[in-house]
Amino acid sequence: MVSKKNRKDIRVHKHYKIRNRLSGTADCPRLAVFRSNKHMYAQIIDDDAQNTLVSASTLQKDVKANLEKTDNVEAAAYVGKVIAERALDKGIKDVVFDRGGYVYHGKVQALAEAAREAGLNF
């Protein structure tokens, strides 16, 4: 009998393939996105130094206070706006977008477009 991979394993494999092509540097860090069923997370990472420069998620109190629900497209767009504002405060304008193996659609697309509108370049 042929066994089929589950969706999480497929996404993780796609993420490995994406990560082989791109990485974040000090000049142009990586904007990594993770989404769960209930929350949205975004980090700006310098892969050379292996540290997170900026992060935002729907779990943080200041973000959660401005949201009605944490699992919809509006919440993802707000996280994108917040991560862009925090990055600009630290002097980060250019990033490389890492969609984390997810399809560029829905929440991931909303986060990316909101970050672009707020001033990040990618």
PDB file of N, CA and C in Angstrom:
ATOM      1  N   MET A   1       0.829  -1.177   0.000  1.00  0.00           N
ATOM      2  CA  MET A   1       0.000   0.000   0.000  1.00  0.00           C
ATOM      3  C   MET A   1       0.880   1.248   0.000  1.00  0.00           C
ATOM      4  N   VAL A   2       0.516   2.230  -0.783  1.00  0.00           N
ATOM      5  CA  VAL A   2       1.284   3.463  -0.891  1.00  0.00           C
ATOM      6  C   VAL A   2       0.873   4.397   0.234  1.00  0.00           C
ATOM      7  N   SER A   3       1.849   4.894   0.965  1.00  0.00           N
ATOM      8  CA  SER A   3       1.532   5.836   2.030  1.00  0.00           C
ATOM      9  C   SER A   3       1.690   7.252   1.496  1.00  0.00           C
ATOM     10  N   LYS A   4       0.848   8.117   1.954  1.00  0.00           N
ATOM     11  CA  LYS A   4       0.825   9.497   1.484  1.00  0.00           C
ATOM     12  C   LYS A   4       1.318  10.410   2.602  1.00  0.00           C
ATOM     13  N   LYS A   5       2.147  11.384   2.246  1.00  0.00           N
ATOM     14  CA  LYS A   5       2.623  12.343   3.246  1.00  0.00           C
ATOM     15  C   LYS A   5       1.479  13.242   3.681  1.00  0.00           C
ATOM     16  N   ASN A   6       1.534  13.661   4.937  1.00  0.00           N
ATOM     17  CA  ASN A   6       0.515  14.599   5.386  1.00  0.00           C
ATOM     18  C   ASN A   6       0.894  16.018   4.968  1.00  0.00           C
ATOM     19  N   ARG A   7      -0.038  16.937   5.111  1.00  0.00           N
ATOM     20  CA  ARG A   7       0.137  18.301   4.606  1.00  0.00           C
ATOM     21  C   ARG A   7       1.285  19.029   5.311  1.00  0.00           C
ATOM     22  N   LYS A   8       1.488  18.753   6.596  1.00  0.00           N
ATOM     23  CA  LYS A   8       2.563  19.421   7.320  1.00  0.00           C
ATOM     24  C   LYS A   8       3.924  19.005   6.770  1.00  0.00           C
ATOM     25  N   ASP A   9       4.109  17.711   6.508  1.00  0.00           N
ATOM     26  CA  ASP A   9       5.380  17.246   5.956  1.00  0.00           C
ATOM     27  C   ASP A   9       5.644  17.842   4.581  1.00  0.00           C
ATOM     28  N   ILE A  10       4.604  17.986   3.777  1.00  0.00           N
ATOM     29  CA  ILE A  10       4.750  18.587   2.455  1.00  0.00           C
ATOM     30  C   ILE A  10       5.169  20.044   2.593  1.00  0.00           C
ATOM     31  N   ARG A  11       4.534  20.784   3.519  1.00  0.00           N
ATOM     32  CA  ARG A  11       4.875  22.198   3.717  1.00  0.00           C
ATOM     33  C   ARG A  11       6.308  22.347   4.205  1.00  0.00           C
ATOM     34  N   VAL A  12       6.727  21.515   5.137  1.00  0.00           N
ATOM     35  CA  VAL A  12       8.092  21.584   5.662  1.00  0.00           C
ATOM     36  C   VAL A  12       9.102  21.307   4.548  1.00  0.00           C
ATOM     37  N   HIS A  13       8.815  20.352   3.685  1.00  0.00           N
ATOM     38  CA  HIS A  13       9.710  20.051   2.569  1.00  0.00           C
ATOM     39  C   HIS A  13       9.802  21.239   1.613  1.00  0.00           C
ATOM     40  N   LYS A  14       8.665  21.895   1.342  1.00  0.00           N
ATOM     41  CA  LYS A  14       8.674  23.088   0.494  1.00  0.00           C
ATOM     42  C   LYS A  14       9.502  24.196   1.142  1.00  0.00           C
ATOM     43  N   HIS A  15       9.385  24.324   2.472  1.00  0.00           N
ATOM     44  CA  HIS A  15      10.135  25.357   3.170  1.00  0.00           C
ATOM     45  C   HIS A  15      11.636  25.112   3.062  1.00  0.00           C
ATOM     46  N   TYR A  16      12.073  23.864   3.162  1.00  0.00           N
ATOM     47  CA  TYR A  16      13.491  23.537   2.981  1.00  0.00           C
ATOM     48  C   TYR A  16      13.966  23.941   1.586  1.00  0.00           C
ATOM     49  N   LYS A  17      13.140  23.688   0.582  1.00  0.00           N
ATOM     50  CA  LYS A  17      13.519  24.055  -0.783  1.00  0.00           C
ATOM     51  C   LYS A  17      13.627  25.572  -0.944  1.00  0.00           C
ATOM     52  N   ILE A  18      12.714  26.295  -0.308  1.00  0.00           N
ATOM     53  CA  ILE A  18      12.760  27.759  -0.362  1.00  0.00           C
ATOM     54  C   ILE A  18      13.998  28.282   0.359  1.00  0.00           C
ATOM     55  N   ARG A  19      14.305  27.707   1.522  1.00  0.00           N
ATOM     56  CA  ARG A  19      15.441  28.166   2.322  1.00  0.00           C
ATOM     57  C   ARG A  19      16.782  27.882   1.646  1.00  0.00           C
ATOM     58  N   ASN A  20      16.833  26.892   0.747  1.00  0.00           N
ATOM     59  CA  ASN A  20      18.065  26.649   0.000  1.00  0.00           C
ATOM     60  C   ASN A  20      18.352  27.777  -0.978  1.00  0.00           C
ATOM     61  N   ARG A  21      17.316  28.490  -1.405  1.00  0.00           N
ATOM     62  CA  ARG A  21      17.490  29.569  -2.376  1.00  0.00           C
ATOM     63  C   ARG A  21      17.722  30.930  -1.748  1.00  0.00           C
ATOM     64  N   LEU A  22      17.221  31.162  -0.534  1.00  0.00           N
ATOM     65  CA  LEU A  22      17.338  32.498   0.042  1.00  0.00           C
ATOM     66  C   LEU A  22      17.807  32.438   1.486  1.00  0.00           C
ATOM     67  N   SER A  23      18.461  33.500   1.898  1.00  0.00           N
ATOM     68  CA  SER A  23      18.855  33.639   3.297  1.00  0.00           C
ATOM     69  C   SER A  23      18.953  35.120   3.612  1.00  0.00           C
ATOM     70  N   GLY A  24      18.847  35.446   4.877  1.00  0.00           N
ATOM     71  CA  GLY A  24      18.905  36.828   5.301  1.00  0.00           C
ATOM     72  C   GLY A  24      20.306  37.208   5.736  1.00  0.00           C
ATOM     73  N   THR A  25      20.701  38.413   5.379  1.00  0.00           N
ATOM     74  CA  THR A  25      21.996  38.934   5.790  1.00  0.00           C
ATOM     75  C   THR A  25      21.772  40.149   6.671  1.00  0.00           C
ATOM     76  N   ALA A  26      22.851  40.760   7.113  1.00  0.00           N
ATOM     77  CA  ALA A  26      22.712  41.963   7.939  1.00  0.00           C
ATOM     78  C   ALA A  26      22.138  43.110   7.103  1.00  0.00           C
ATOM     79  N   ASP A  27      22.499  43.175   5.823  1.00  0.00           N
ATOM     80  CA  ASP A  27      21.993  44.233   4.954  1.00  0.00           C
ATOM     81  C   ASP A  27      20.545  43.997   4.538  1.00  0.00           C
ATOM     82  N   CYS A  28      20.207  42.753   4.295  1.00  0.00           N
ATOM     83  CA  CYS A  28      18.868  42.401   3.823  1.00  0.00           C
ATOM     84  C   CYS A  28      18.381  41.153   4.560  1.00  0.00           C
ATOM     85  N   PRO A  29      17.812  41.314   5.765  1.00  0.00           N
ATOM     86  CA  PRO A  29      17.384  40.155   6.551  1.00  0.00           C
ATOM     87  C   PRO A  29      16.151  39.467   5.953  1.00  0.00           C
ATOM     88  N   ARG A  30      15.797  38.351   6.530  1.00  0.00           N
ATOM     89  CA  ARG A  30      14.703  37.508   6.034  1.00  0.00           C
ATOM     90  C   ARG A  30      13.449  37.725   6.869  1.00  0.00           C
ATOM     91  N   LEU A  31      12.332  37.978   6.193  1.00  0.00           N
ATOM     92  CA  LEU A  31      11.034  38.092   6.854  1.00  0.00           C
ATOM     93  C   LEU A  31      10.360  36.728   6.773  1.00  0.00           C
ATOM     94  N   ALA A  32      10.381  35.989   7.880  1.00  0.00           N
ATOM     95  CA  ALA A  32       9.831  34.635   7.929  1.00  0.00           C
ATOM     96  C   ALA A  32       8.413  34.670   8.490  1.00  0.00           C
ATOM     97  N   VAL A  33       7.522  33.924   7.854  1.00  0.00           N
ATOM     98  CA  VAL A  33       6.118  33.891   8.233  1.00  0.00           C
ATOM     99  C   VAL A  33       5.754  32.484   8.683  1.00  0.00           C
ATOM    100  N   PHE A  34       5.000  32.403   9.780  1.00  0.00           N
ATOM    101  CA  PHE A  34       4.432  31.135  10.219  1.00  0.00           C
ATOM    102  C   PHE A  34       2.980  31.385  10.589  1.00  0.00           C
ATOM    103  N   ARG A  35       2.128  30.482  10.176  1.00  0.00           N
ATOM    104  CA  ARG A  35       0.723  30.619  10.552  1.00  0.00           C
ATOM    105  C   ARG A  35       0.236  29.300  11.129  1.00  0.00           C
ATOM    106  N   SER A  36      -0.549  29.410  12.172  1.00  0.00           N
ATOM    107  CA  SER A  36      -1.208  28.244  12.738  1.00  0.00           C
ATOM    108  C   SER A  36      -2.698  28.423  12.501  1.00  0.00           C
ATOM    109  N   ASN A  37      -3.496  27.528  13.036  1.00  0.00           N
ATOM    110  CA  ASN A  37      -4.940  27.666  12.849  1.00  0.00           C
ATOM    111  C   ASN A  37      -5.498  28.886  13.569  1.00  0.00           C
ATOM    112  N   LYS A  38      -4.863  29.288  14.663  1.00  0.00           N
ATOM    113  CA  LYS A  38      -5.401  30.386  15.467  1.00  0.00           C
ATOM    114  C   LYS A  38      -4.580  31.667  15.416  1.00  0.00           C
ATOM    115  N   HIS A  39      -3.300  31.600  15.057  1.00  0.00           N
ATOM    116  CA  HIS A  39      -2.444  32.779  15.164  1.00  0.00           C
ATOM    117  C   HIS A  39      -1.543  32.941  13.956  1.00  0.00           C
ATOM    118  N   MET A  40      -0.961  34.132  13.853  1.00  0.00           N
ATOM    119  CA  MET A  40      -0.043  34.488  12.772  1.00  0.00           C
ATOM    120  C   MET A  40       1.225  35.040  13.408  1.00  0.00           C
ATOM    121  N   TYR A  41       2.375  34.621  12.890  1.00  0.00           N
ATOM    122  CA  TYR A  41       3.661  35.029  13.444  1.00  0.00           C
ATOM    123  C   TYR A  41       4.548  35.537  12.312  1.00  0.00           C
ATOM    124  N   ALA A  42       5.358  36.552  12.603  1.00  0.00           N
ATOM    125  CA  ALA A  42       6.322  37.052  11.627  1.00  0.00           C
ATOM    126  C   ALA A  42       7.595  37.443  12.369  1.00  0.00           C
ATOM    127  N   GLN A  43       8.743  37.107  11.772  1.00  0.00           N
ATOM    128  CA  GLN A  43      10.036  37.448  12.356  1.00  0.00           C
ATOM    129  C   GLN A  43      10.940  37.980  11.258  1.00  0.00           C
ATOM    130  N   ILE A  44      11.757  38.940  11.605  1.00  0.00           N
ATOM    131  CA  ILE A  44      12.816  39.395  10.709  1.00  0.00           C
ATOM    132  C   ILE A  44      14.115  38.876  11.288  1.00  0.00           C
ATOM    133  N   ILE A  45      14.812  38.043  10.483  1.00  0.00           N
ATOM    134  CA  ILE A  45      15.936  37.256  10.974  1.00  0.00           C
ATOM    135  C   ILE A  45      17.200  37.565  10.182  1.00  0.00           C
ATOM    136  N   ASP A  46      18.306  37.724  10.897  1.00  0.00           N
ATOM    137  CA  ASP A  46      19.630  37.810  10.289  1.00  0.00           C
ATOM    138  C   ASP A  46      20.241  36.423  10.365  1.00  0.00           C
ATOM    139  N   ASP A  47      20.300  35.724   9.232  1.00  0.00           N
ATOM    140  CA  ASP A  47      20.773  34.341   9.229  1.00  0.00           C
ATOM    141  C   ASP A  47      22.275  34.238   9.432  1.00  0.00           C
ATOM    142  N   ASP A  48      23.036  35.275   9.074  1.00  0.00           N
ATOM    143  CA  ASP A  48      24.483  35.234   9.288  1.00  0.00           C
ATOM    144  C   ASP A  48      24.816  35.217  10.779  1.00  0.00           C
ATOM    145  N   ALA A  49      24.172  36.098  11.537  1.00  0.00           N
ATOM    146  CA  ALA A  49      24.411  36.172  12.976  1.00  0.00           C
ATOM    147  C   ALA A  49      23.497  35.226  13.757  1.00  0.00           C
ATOM    148  N   GLN A  50      22.539  34.621  13.080  1.00  0.00           N
ATOM    149  CA  GLN A  50      21.590  33.683  13.679  1.00  0.00           C
ATOM    150  C   GLN A  50      20.820  34.297  14.846  1.00  0.00           C
ATOM    151  N   ASN A  51      20.243  35.479  14.611  1.00  0.00           N
ATOM    152  CA  ASN A  51      19.405  36.075  15.648  1.00  0.00           C
ATOM    153  C   ASN A  51      18.201  36.772  15.030  1.00  0.00           C
ATOM    154  N   THR A  52      17.165  36.879  15.830  1.00  0.00           N
ATOM    155  CA  THR A  52      15.939  37.547  15.411  1.00  0.00           C
ATOM    156  C   THR A  52      16.058  39.029  15.728  1.00  0.00           C
ATOM    157  N   LEU A  53      15.848  39.863  14.713  1.00  0.00           N
ATOM    158  CA  LEU A  53      15.966  41.305  14.894  1.00  0.00           C
ATOM    159  C   LEU A  53      14.645  41.912  15.363  1.00  0.00           C
ATOM    160  N   VAL A  54      13.538  41.482  14.754  1.00  0.00           N
ATOM    161  CA  VAL A  54      12.215  42.025  15.061  1.00  0.00           C
ATOM    162  C   VAL A  54      11.210  40.883  14.967  1.00  0.00           C
ATOM    163  N   SER A  55      10.195  40.920  15.821  1.00  0.00           N
ATOM    164  CA  SER A  55       9.143  39.917  15.717  1.00  0.00           C
ATOM    165  C   SER A  55       7.793  40.541  16.040  1.00  0.00           C
ATOM    166  N   ALA A  56       6.750  39.907  15.530  1.00  0.00           N
ATOM    167  CA  ALA A  56       5.374  40.319  15.825  1.00  0.00           C
ATOM    168  C   ALA A  56       4.483  39.102  15.660  1.00  0.00           C
ATOM    169  N   SER A  57       3.460  39.014  16.500  1.00  0.00           N
ATOM    170  CA  SER A  57       2.497  37.924  16.375  1.00  0.00           C
ATOM    171  C   SER A  57       1.174  38.348  16.987  1.00  0.00           C
ATOM    172  N   THR A  58       0.162  37.575  16.700  1.00  0.00           N
ATOM    173  CA  THR A  58      -1.159  37.867  17.254  1.00  0.00           C
ATOM    174  C   THR A  58      -1.269  37.462  18.713  1.00  0.00           C
ATOM    175  N   LEU A  59      -0.235  36.853  19.265  1.00  0.00           N
ATOM    176  CA  LEU A  59      -0.229  36.495  20.683  1.00  0.00           C
ATOM    177  C   LEU A  59       0.219  37.653  21.570  1.00  0.00           C
ATOM    178  N   GLN A  60       0.912  38.632  21.011  1.00  0.00           N
ATOM    179  CA  GLN A  60       1.415  39.750  21.807  1.00  0.00           C
ATOM    180  C   GLN A  60       0.255  40.629  22.261  1.00  0.00           C
ATOM    181  N   LYS A  61       0.334  41.104  23.487  1.00  0.00           N
ATOM    182  CA  LYS A  61      -0.789  41.824  24.095  1.00  0.00           C
ATOM    183  C   LYS A  61      -1.146  43.094  23.329  1.00  0.00           C
ATOM    184  N   ASP A  62      -0.136  43.883  22.902  1.00  0.00           N
ATOM    185  CA  ASP A  62      -0.434  45.134  22.211  1.00  0.00           C
ATOM    186  C   ASP A  62      -1.051  44.897  20.840  1.00  0.00           C
ATOM    187  N   VAL A  63      -0.724  43.783  20.204  1.00  0.00           N
ATOM    188  CA  VAL A  63      -1.315  43.437  18.912  1.00  0.00           C
ATOM    189  C   VAL A  63      -2.717  42.864  19.113  1.00  0.00           C
ATOM    190  N   LYS A  64      -2.837  41.963  20.065  1.00  0.00           N
ATOM    191  CA  LYS A  64      -4.112  41.286  20.318  1.00  0.00           C
ATOM    192  C   LYS A  64      -5.195  42.260  20.774  1.00  0.00           C
ATOM    193  N   ALA A  65      -4.793  43.331  21.453  1.00  0.00           N
ATOM    194  CA  ALA A  65      -5.759  44.306  21.947  1.00  0.00           C
ATOM    195  C   ALA A  65      -6.475  45.032  20.807  1.00  0.00           C
ATOM    196  N   ASN A  66      -5.825  45.144  19.645  1.00  0.00           N
ATOM    197  CA  ASN A  66      -6.411  45.857  18.505  1.00  0.00           C
ATOM    198  C   ASN A  66      -7.150  44.940  17.537  1.00  0.00           C
ATOM    199  N   LEU A  67      -7.260  43.657  17.876  1.00  0.00           N
ATOM    200  CA  LEU A  67      -7.882  42.700  16.972  1.00  0.00           C
ATOM    201  C   LEU A  67      -9.151  42.120  17.580  1.00  0.00           C
ATOM    202  N   GLU A  68     -10.114  41.864  16.717  1.00  0.00           N
ATOM    203  CA  GLU A  68     -11.333  41.209  17.154  1.00  0.00           C
ATOM    204  C   GLU A  68     -11.120  39.696  17.208  1.00  0.00           C
ATOM    205  N   LYS A  69     -10.530  39.153  16.112  1.00  0.00           N
ATOM    206  CA  LYS A  69     -10.192  37.736  16.024  1.00  0.00           C
ATOM    207  C   LYS A  69      -8.727  37.632  15.604  1.00  0.00           C
ATOM    208  N   THR A  70      -8.087  36.532  15.947  1.00  0.00           N
ATOM    209  CA  THR A  70      -6.666  36.382  15.624  1.00  0.00           C
ATOM    210  C   THR A  70      -6.408  35.418  14.473  1.00  0.00           C
ATOM    211  N   ASP A  71      -7.458  34.871  13.888  1.00  0.00           N
ATOM    212  CA  ASP A  71      -7.256  33.842  12.865  1.00  0.00           C
ATOM    213  C   ASP A  71      -7.817  34.203  11.496  1.00  0.00           C
ATOM    214  N   ASN A  72      -7.923  35.506  11.207  1.00  0.00           N
ATOM    215  CA  ASN A  72      -8.466  35.885   9.912  1.00  0.00           C
ATOM    216  C   ASN A  72      -7.476  36.745   9.126  1.00  0.00           C
ATOM    217  N   VAL A  73      -7.871  37.134   7.931  1.00  0.00           N
ATOM    218  CA  VAL A  73      -7.004  37.892   7.035  1.00  0.00           C
ATOM    219  C   VAL A  73      -6.710  39.284   7.606  1.00  0.00           C
ATOM    220  N   GLU A  74      -7.667  39.883   8.268  1.00  0.00           N
ATOM    221  CA  GLU A  74      -7.456  41.211   8.853  1.00  0.00           C
ATOM    222  C   GLU A  74      -6.378  41.173   9.936  1.00  0.00           C
ATOM    223  N   ALA A  75      -6.374  40.115  10.727  1.00  0.00           N
ATOM    224  CA  ALA A  75      -5.346  39.964  11.758  1.00  0.00           C
ATOM    225  C   ALA A  75      -3.975  39.799  11.129  1.00  0.00           C
ATOM    226  N   ALA A  76      -3.890  39.040  10.055  1.00  0.00           N
ATOM    227  CA  ALA A  76      -2.617  38.851   9.362  1.00  0.00           C
ATOM    228  C   ALA A  76      -2.120  40.169   8.784  1.00  0.00           C
ATOM    229  N   ALA A  77      -3.026  40.955   8.216  1.00  0.00           N
ATOM    230  CA  ALA A  77      -2.646  42.253   7.664  1.00  0.00           C
ATOM    231  C   ALA A  77      -2.148  43.179   8.773  1.00  0.00           C
ATOM    232  N   TYR A  78      -2.779  43.127   9.926  1.00  0.00           N
ATOM    233  CA  TYR A  78      -2.337  43.973  11.034  1.00  0.00           C
ATOM    234  C   TYR A  78      -0.952  43.552  11.525  1.00  0.00           C
ATOM    235  N   VAL A  79      -0.680  42.256  11.569  1.00  0.00           N
ATOM    236  CA  VAL A  79       0.654  41.778  11.961  1.00  0.00           C
ATOM    237  C   VAL A  79       1.694  42.267  10.945  1.00  0.00           C
ATOM    238  N   GLY A  80       1.352  42.260   9.662  1.00  0.00           N
ATOM    239  CA  GLY A  80       2.256  42.773   8.638  1.00  0.00           C
ATOM    240  C   GLY A  80       2.568  44.253   8.833  1.00  0.00           C
ATOM    241  N   LYS A  81       1.554  45.009   9.181  1.00  0.00           N
ATOM    242  CA  LYS A  81       1.748  46.439   9.441  1.00  0.00           C
ATOM    243  C   LYS A  81       2.633  46.653  10.671  1.00  0.00           C
ATOM    244  N   VAL A  82       2.397  45.895  11.720  1.00  0.00           N
ATOM    245  CA  VAL A  82       3.163  46.022  12.965  1.00  0.00           C
ATOM    246  C   VAL A  82       4.630  45.638  12.739  1.00  0.00           C
ATOM    247  N   ILE A  83       4.875  44.538  12.037  1.00  0.00           N
ATOM    248  CA  ILE A  83       6.260  44.098  11.808  1.00  0.00           C
ATOM    249  C   ILE A  83       6.999  45.124  10.969  1.00  0.00           C
ATOM    250  N   ALA A  84       6.316  45.742  10.012  1.00  0.00           N
ATOM    251  CA  ALA A  84       6.965  46.760   9.186  1.00  0.00           C
ATOM    252  C   ALA A  84       7.305  47.999  10.009  1.00  0.00           C
ATOM    253  N   GLU A  85       6.399  48.422  10.873  1.00  0.00           N
ATOM    254  CA  GLU A  85       6.666  49.589  11.716  1.00  0.00           C
ATOM    255  C   GLU A  85       7.840  49.335  12.658  1.00  0.00           C
ATOM    256  N   ARG A  86       7.878  48.148  13.254  1.00  0.00           N
ATOM    257  CA  ARG A  86       8.975  47.816  14.170  1.00  0.00           C
ATOM    258  C   ARG A  86      10.298  47.710  13.412  1.00  0.00           C
ATOM    259  N   ALA A  87      10.263  47.195  12.198  1.00  0.00           N
ATOM    260  CA  ALA A  87      11.490  47.092  11.393  1.00  0.00           C
ATOM    261  C   ALA A  87      11.997  48.474  10.998  1.00  0.00           C
ATOM    262  N   LEU A  88      11.100  49.354  10.608  1.00  0.00           N
ATOM    263  CA  LEU A  88      11.513  50.704  10.220  1.00  0.00           C
ATOM    264  C   LEU A  88      12.077  51.464  11.413  1.00  0.00           C
ATOM    265  N   ASP A  89      11.550  51.206  12.615  1.00  0.00           N
ATOM    266  CA  ASP A  89      12.102  51.827  13.817  1.00  0.00           C
ATOM    267  C   ASP A  89      13.541  51.391  14.069  1.00  0.00           C
ATOM    268  N   LYS A  90      13.869  50.160  13.687  1.00  0.00           N
ATOM    269  CA  LYS A  90      15.237  49.652  13.853  1.00  0.00           C
ATOM    270  C   LYS A  90      16.119  49.948  12.652  1.00  0.00           C
ATOM    271  N   GLY A  91      15.578  50.624  11.638  1.00  0.00           N
ATOM    272  CA  GLY A  91      16.374  50.988  10.467  1.00  0.00           C
ATOM    273  C   GLY A  91      16.432  49.920   9.392  1.00  0.00           C
ATOM    274  N   ILE A  92      15.522  48.971   9.402  1.00  0.00           N
ATOM    275  CA  ILE A  92      15.485  47.913   8.400  1.00  0.00           C
ATOM    276  C   ILE A  92      14.436  48.285   7.355  1.00  0.00           C
ATOM    277  N   LYS A  93      14.873  48.444   6.094  1.00  0.00           N
ATOM    278  CA  LYS A  93      13.938  48.784   5.028  1.00  0.00           C
ATOM    279  C   LYS A  93      13.794  47.666   4.010  1.00  0.00           C
ATOM    280  N   ASP A  94      14.885  46.961   3.719  1.00  0.00           N
ATOM    281  CA  ASP A  94      14.879  45.904   2.707  1.00  0.00           C
ATOM    282  C   ASP A  94      14.924  44.545   3.382  1.00  0.00           C
ATOM    283  N   VAL A  95      14.041  43.651   2.966  1.00  0.00           N
ATOM    284  CA  VAL A  95      14.009  42.288   3.493  1.00  0.00           C
ATOM    285  C   VAL A  95      13.798  41.307   2.341  1.00  0.00           C
ATOM    286  N   VAL A  96      14.042  40.037   2.640  1.00  0.00           N
ATOM    287  CA  VAL A  96      13.737  38.937   1.729  1.00  0.00           C
ATOM    288  C   VAL A  96      12.542  38.211   2.323  1.00  0.00           C
ATOM    289  N   PHE A  97      11.507  37.986   1.520  1.00  0.00           N
ATOM    290  CA  PHE A  97      10.281  37.378   2.043  1.00  0.00           C
ATOM    291  C   PHE A  97      10.366  35.860   1.987  1.00  0.00           C
ATOM    292  N   ASP A  98      10.166  35.219   3.135  1.00  0.00           N
ATOM    293  CA  ASP A  98      10.160  33.765   3.262  1.00  0.00           C
ATOM    294  C   ASP A  98       8.747  33.349   3.649  1.00  0.00           C
ATOM    295  N   ARG A  99       8.010  32.783   2.714  1.00  0.00           N
ATOM    296  CA  ARG A  99       6.609  32.433   2.952  1.00  0.00           C
ATOM    297  C   ARG A  99       6.453  31.155   3.755  1.00  0.00           C
ATOM    298  N   GLY A 100       7.540  30.507   4.106  1.00  0.00           N
ATOM    299  CA  GLY A 100       7.508  29.352   4.998  1.00  0.00           C
ATOM    300  C   GLY A 100       6.885  28.101   4.417  1.00  0.00           C
ATOM    301  N   GLY A 101       6.843  27.976   3.110  1.00  0.00           N
ATOM    302  CA  GLY A 101       6.248  26.807   2.483  1.00  0.00           C
ATOM    303  C   GLY A 101       4.756  26.936   2.246  1.00  0.00           C
ATOM    304  N   TYR A 102       4.165  28.039   2.694  1.00  0.00           N
ATOM    305  CA  TYR A 102       2.739  28.255   2.493  1.00  0.00           C
ATOM    306  C   TYR A 102       2.509  28.840   1.100  1.00  0.00           C
ATOM    307  N   VAL A 103       1.307  28.634   0.582  1.00  0.00           N
ATOM    308  CA  VAL A 103       0.927  29.224  -0.694  1.00  0.00           C
ATOM    309  C   VAL A 103       0.774  30.734  -0.485  1.00  0.00           C
ATOM    310  N   TYR A 104       1.240  31.527  -1.454  1.00  0.00           N
ATOM    311  CA  TYR A 104       1.126  32.982  -1.359  1.00  0.00           C
ATOM    312  C   TYR A 104      -0.315  33.370  -1.684  1.00  0.00           C
ATOM    313  N   HIS A 105      -1.177  33.225  -0.675  1.00  0.00           N
ATOM    314  CA  HIS A 105      -2.597  33.455  -0.854  1.00  0.00           C
ATOM    315  C   HIS A 105      -3.219  33.636   0.528  1.00  0.00           C
ATOM    316  N   GLY A 106      -4.246  34.431   0.621  1.00  0.00           N
ATOM    317  CA  GLY A 106      -4.966  34.574   1.880  1.00  0.00           C
ATOM    318  C   GLY A 106      -4.177  35.316   2.931  1.00  0.00           C
ATOM    319  N   LYS A 107      -3.958  34.677   4.083  1.00  0.00           N
ATOM    320  CA  LYS A 107      -3.304  35.325   5.216  1.00  0.00           C
ATOM    321  C   LYS A 107      -1.858  35.703   4.917  1.00  0.00           C
ATOM    322  N   VAL A 108      -1.131  34.831   4.239  1.00  0.00           N
ATOM    323  CA  VAL A 108       0.273  35.102   3.925  1.00  0.00           C
ATOM    324  C   VAL A 108       0.370  36.289   2.969  1.00  0.00           C
ATOM    325  N   GLN A 109      -0.493  36.325   1.987  1.00  0.00           N
ATOM    326  CA  GLN A 109      -0.503  37.435   1.038  1.00  0.00           C
ATOM    327  C   GLN A 109      -0.911  38.737   1.725  1.00  0.00           C
ATOM    328  N   ALA A 110      -1.884  38.692   2.617  1.00  0.00           N
ATOM    329  CA  ALA A 110      -2.323  39.888   3.332  1.00  0.00           C
ATOM    330  C   ALA A 110      -1.204  40.453   4.198  1.00  0.00           C
ATOM    331  N   LEU A 111      -0.468  39.573   4.878  1.00  0.00           N
ATOM    332  CA  LEU A 111       0.654  40.012   5.701  1.00  0.00           C
ATOM    333  C   LEU A 111       1.718  40.675   4.837  1.00  0.00           C
ATOM    334  N   ALA A 112       2.049  40.070   3.716  1.00  0.00           N
ATOM    335  CA  ALA A 112       3.088  40.610   2.836  1.00  0.00           C
ATOM    336  C   ALA A 112       2.688  41.966   2.255  1.00  0.00           C
ATOM    337  N   GLU A 113       1.461  42.077   1.787  1.00  0.00           N
ATOM    338  CA  GLU A 113       1.019  43.333   1.186  1.00  0.00           C
ATOM    339  C   GLU A 113       0.921  44.450   2.225  1.00  0.00           C
ATOM    340  N   ALA A 114       0.492  44.134   3.435  1.00  0.00           N
ATOM    341  CA  ALA A 114       0.423  45.142   4.494  1.00  0.00           C
ATOM    342  C   ALA A 114       1.822  45.610   4.883  1.00  0.00           C
ATOM    343  N   ALA A 115       2.780  44.695   4.903  1.00  0.00           N
ATOM    344  CA  ALA A 115       4.171  45.076   5.210  1.00  0.00           C
ATOM    345  C   ALA A 115       4.741  45.973   4.126  1.00  0.00           C
ATOM    346  N   ARG A 116       4.419  45.673   2.865  1.00  0.00           N
ATOM    347  CA  ARG A 116       4.865  46.529   1.757  1.00  0.00           C
ATOM    348  C   ARG A 116       4.252  47.924   1.845  1.00  0.00           C
ATOM    349  N   GLU A 117       2.963  47.988   2.137  1.00  0.00           N
ATOM    350  CA  GLU A 117       2.281  49.284   2.236  1.00  0.00           C
ATOM    351  C   GLU A 117       2.831  50.109   3.394  1.00  0.00           C
ATOM    352  N   ALA A 118       3.274  49.445   4.456  1.00  0.00           N
ATOM    353  CA  ALA A 118       3.798  50.156   5.618  1.00  0.00           C
ATOM    354  C   ALA A 118       5.256  50.587   5.435  1.00  0.00           C
ATOM    355  N   GLY A 119       5.912  50.157   4.331  1.00  0.00           N
ATOM    356  CA  GLY A 119       7.230  50.691   4.055  1.00  0.00           C
ATOM    357  C   GLY A 119       8.346  49.690   3.838  1.00  0.00           C
ATOM    358  N   LEU A 120       8.106  48.400   3.998  1.00  0.00           N
ATOM    359  CA  LEU A 120       9.175  47.423   3.734  1.00  0.00           C
ATOM    360  C   LEU A 120       9.301  47.167   2.238  1.00  0.00           C
ATOM    361  N   ASN A 121      10.532  46.924   1.777  1.00  0.00           N
ATOM    362  CA  ASN A 121      10.791  46.641   0.378  1.00  0.00           C
ATOM    363  C   ASN A 121      11.183  45.182   0.223  1.00  0.00           C
ATOM    364  N   PHE A 122      10.426  44.451  -0.586  1.00  0.00           N
ATOM    365  CA  PHE A 122      10.769  43.090  -0.978  1.00  0.00           C
ATOM    366  C   PHE A 122       9.986  42.707  -2.201  1.00  0.00           C
TER     367      PHE A 122
END
